[in-house]
């Protein structure tokens, strides 16, 4: 009986761990280029990452953020469109 309980306990822990990891997995960013400049992300160092109204945005550098803010809807649409097609 102890063996059965141990096996069941291990199975429950393994299932909970797998479920937790799947829920915690962060979706990959759908673009490889900056939505503002078109430069390759990571080409000038670590991308500048922030969240705009619940959407993660990655820019090639912080200098692109003012241009992003001039028309954020246009840039967010590029990201959401890429998410749909991936």
C-alpha atoms as a PDB file:
ATOM      1  CA  UNK A   1       0.000   0.000   0.000  1.00  0.00           C
ATOM      2  CA  UNK A   2       2.849   2.407   0.837  1.00  0.00           C
ATOM      3  CA  UNK A   3       4.354   1.750  -2.584  1.00  0.00           C
ATOM      4  CA  UNK A   4       1.098   2.648  -4.337  1.00  0.00           C
ATOM      5  CA  UNK A   5       0.759   5.876  -2.337  1.00  0.00           C
ATOM      6  CA  UNK A   6       4.385   6.793  -3.080  1.00  0.00           C
ATOM      7  CA  UNK A   7       3.949   6.151  -6.807  1.00  0.00           C
ATOM      8  CA  UNK A   8       0.744   8.201  -6.888  1.00  0.00           C
ATOM      9  CA  UNK A   9       2.389  11.034  -4.961  1.00  0.00           C
ATOM     10  CA  UNK A  10       5.336  11.132  -7.357  1.00  0.00           C
ATOM     11  CA  UNK A  11       2.957  11.161 -10.323  1.00  0.00           C
ATOM     12  CA  UNK A  12       0.945  14.047  -8.885  1.00  0.00           C
ATOM     13  CA  UNK A  13       4.089  16.093  -8.171  1.00  0.00           C
ATOM     14  CA  UNK A  14       5.449  15.425 -11.671  1.00  0.00           C
ATOM     15  CA  UNK A  15       2.134  16.463 -13.265  1.00  0.00           C
ATOM     16  CA  UNK A  16       1.925  19.632 -11.161  1.00  0.00           C
ATOM     17  CA  UNK A  17       5.501  20.548 -12.073  1.00  0.00           C
ATOM     18  CA  UNK A  18       4.880  20.072 -15.804  1.00  0.00           C
ATOM     19  CA  UNK A  19       1.644  22.067 -15.656  1.00  0.00           C
ATOM     20  CA  UNK A  20       3.350  24.870 -13.753  1.00  0.00           C
ATOM     21  CA  UNK A  21       6.207  25.062 -16.272  1.00  0.00           C
ATOM     22  CA  UNK A  22       3.819  25.155 -19.223  1.00  0.00           C
ATOM     23  CA  UNK A  23       1.825  27.979 -17.654  1.00  0.00           C
ATOM     24  CA  UNK A  24       4.988  29.920 -16.779  1.00  0.00           C
ATOM     25  CA  UNK A  25       6.483  29.569 -20.254  1.00  0.00           C
ATOM     26  CA  UNK A  26       6.790  33.001 -21.806  1.00  0.00           C
ATOM     27  CA  UNK A  27       5.742  33.184 -25.432  1.00  0.00           C
ATOM     28  CA  UNK A  28       8.544  34.165 -27.741  1.00  0.00           C
ATOM     29  CA  UNK A  29       8.491  37.626 -29.243  1.00  0.00           C
ATOM     30  CA  UNK A  30       7.056  37.323 -32.770  1.00  0.00           C
ATOM     31  CA  UNK A  31       9.399  39.759 -34.533  1.00  0.00           C
ATOM     32  CA  UNK A  32      13.113  39.709 -35.270  1.00  0.00           C
ATOM     33  CA  UNK A  33      13.306  43.394 -36.190  1.00  0.00           C
ATOM     34  CA  UNK A  34      12.493  46.658 -34.431  1.00  0.00           C
ATOM     35  CA  UNK A  35       8.949  47.867 -35.248  1.00  0.00           C
ATOM     36  CA  UNK A  36      10.242  51.453 -35.436  1.00  0.00           C
ATOM     37  CA  UNK A  37      13.565  51.320 -37.287  1.00  0.00           C
ATOM     38  CA  UNK A  38      13.482  47.896 -38.921  1.00  0.00           C
ATOM     39  CA  UNK A  39      16.909  47.090 -37.457  1.00  0.00           C
ATOM     40  CA  UNK A  40      17.599  43.516 -36.340  1.00  0.00           C
ATOM     41  CA  UNK A  41      16.791  43.031 -32.663  1.00  0.00           C
ATOM     42  CA  UNK A  42      20.003  42.376 -30.767  1.00  0.00           C
ATOM     43  CA  UNK A  43      22.115  43.877 -33.561  1.00  0.00           C
ATOM     44  CA  UNK A  44      23.022  46.864 -31.394  1.00  0.00           C
ATOM     45  CA  UNK A  45      23.118  45.090 -28.052  1.00  0.00           C
ATOM     46  CA  UNK A  46      20.294  43.889 -25.866  1.00  0.00           C
ATOM     47  CA  UNK A  47      16.852  45.006 -27.150  1.00  0.00           C
ATOM     48  CA  UNK A  48      14.958  47.684 -25.236  1.00  0.00           C
ATOM     49  CA  UNK A  49      11.921  45.847 -23.837  1.00  0.00           C
ATOM     50  CA  UNK A  50       8.810  47.365 -22.270  1.00  0.00           C
ATOM     51  CA  UNK A  51       5.086  46.719 -22.039  1.00  0.00           C
ATOM     52  CA  UNK A  52       2.589  49.000 -23.741  1.00  0.00           C
ATOM     53  CA  UNK A  53      -1.044  48.495 -22.718  1.00  0.00           C
ATOM     54  CA  UNK A  54      -0.436  44.820 -21.994  1.00  0.00           C
ATOM     55  CA  UNK A  55       1.615  44.099 -25.122  1.00  0.00           C
ATOM     56  CA  UNK A  56       5.328  43.392 -24.873  1.00  0.00           C
ATOM     57  CA  UNK A  57       7.367  45.595 -27.195  1.00  0.00           C
ATOM     58  CA  UNK A  58      11.002  45.047 -28.161  1.00  0.00           C
ATOM     59  CA  UNK A  59      12.901  47.869 -29.836  1.00  0.00           C
ATOM     60  CA  UNK A  60      16.464  47.787 -31.118  1.00  0.00           C
ATOM     61  CA  UNK A  61      17.391  50.549 -28.654  1.00  0.00           C
ATOM     62  CA  UNK A  62      15.883  53.062 -26.231  1.00  0.00           C
ATOM     63  CA  UNK A  63      16.304  55.842 -28.819  1.00  0.00           C
ATOM     64  CA  UNK A  64      13.410  54.335 -30.807  1.00  0.00           C
ATOM     65  CA  UNK A  65      10.915  54.746 -27.962  1.00  0.00           C
ATOM     66  CA  UNK A  66      10.066  58.431 -28.701  1.00  0.00           C
ATOM     67  CA  UNK A  67       9.272  57.463 -32.302  1.00  0.00           C
ATOM     68  CA  UNK A  68       7.198  54.524 -31.035  1.00  0.00           C
ATOM     69  CA  UNK A  69       5.222  56.918 -28.829  1.00  0.00           C
ATOM     70  CA  UNK A  70       4.356  59.173 -31.784  1.00  0.00           C
ATOM     71  CA  UNK A  71       2.076  56.450 -33.199  1.00  0.00           C
ATOM     72  CA  UNK A  72       1.953  53.465 -30.844  1.00  0.00           C
ATOM     73  CA  UNK A  73      -1.175  51.967 -32.459  1.00  0.00           C
ATOM     74  CA  UNK A  74       0.672  51.520 -35.765  1.00  0.00           C
ATOM     75  CA  UNK A  75       3.547  49.696 -34.096  1.00  0.00           C
ATOM     76  CA  UNK A  76       1.344  47.577 -31.820  1.00  0.00           C
ATOM     77  CA  UNK A  77      -0.624  46.472 -34.890  1.00  0.00           C
ATOM     78  CA  UNK A  78       2.619  45.149 -36.451  1.00  0.00           C
ATOM     79  CA  UNK A  79       3.315  43.111 -33.317  1.00  0.00           C
ATOM     80  CA  UNK A  80      -0.228  41.744 -33.036  1.00  0.00           C
ATOM     81  CA  UNK A  81      -0.302  40.871 -36.724  1.00  0.00           C
ATOM     82  CA  UNK A  82       2.952  38.935 -36.321  1.00  0.00           C
ATOM     83  CA  UNK A  83       1.536  37.138 -33.263  1.00  0.00           C
ATOM     84  CA  UNK A  84      -1.500  36.002 -35.257  1.00  0.00           C
ATOM     85  CA  UNK A  85       0.603  34.571 -38.063  1.00  0.00           C
ATOM     86  CA  UNK A  86       3.024  32.720 -35.768  1.00  0.00           C
END
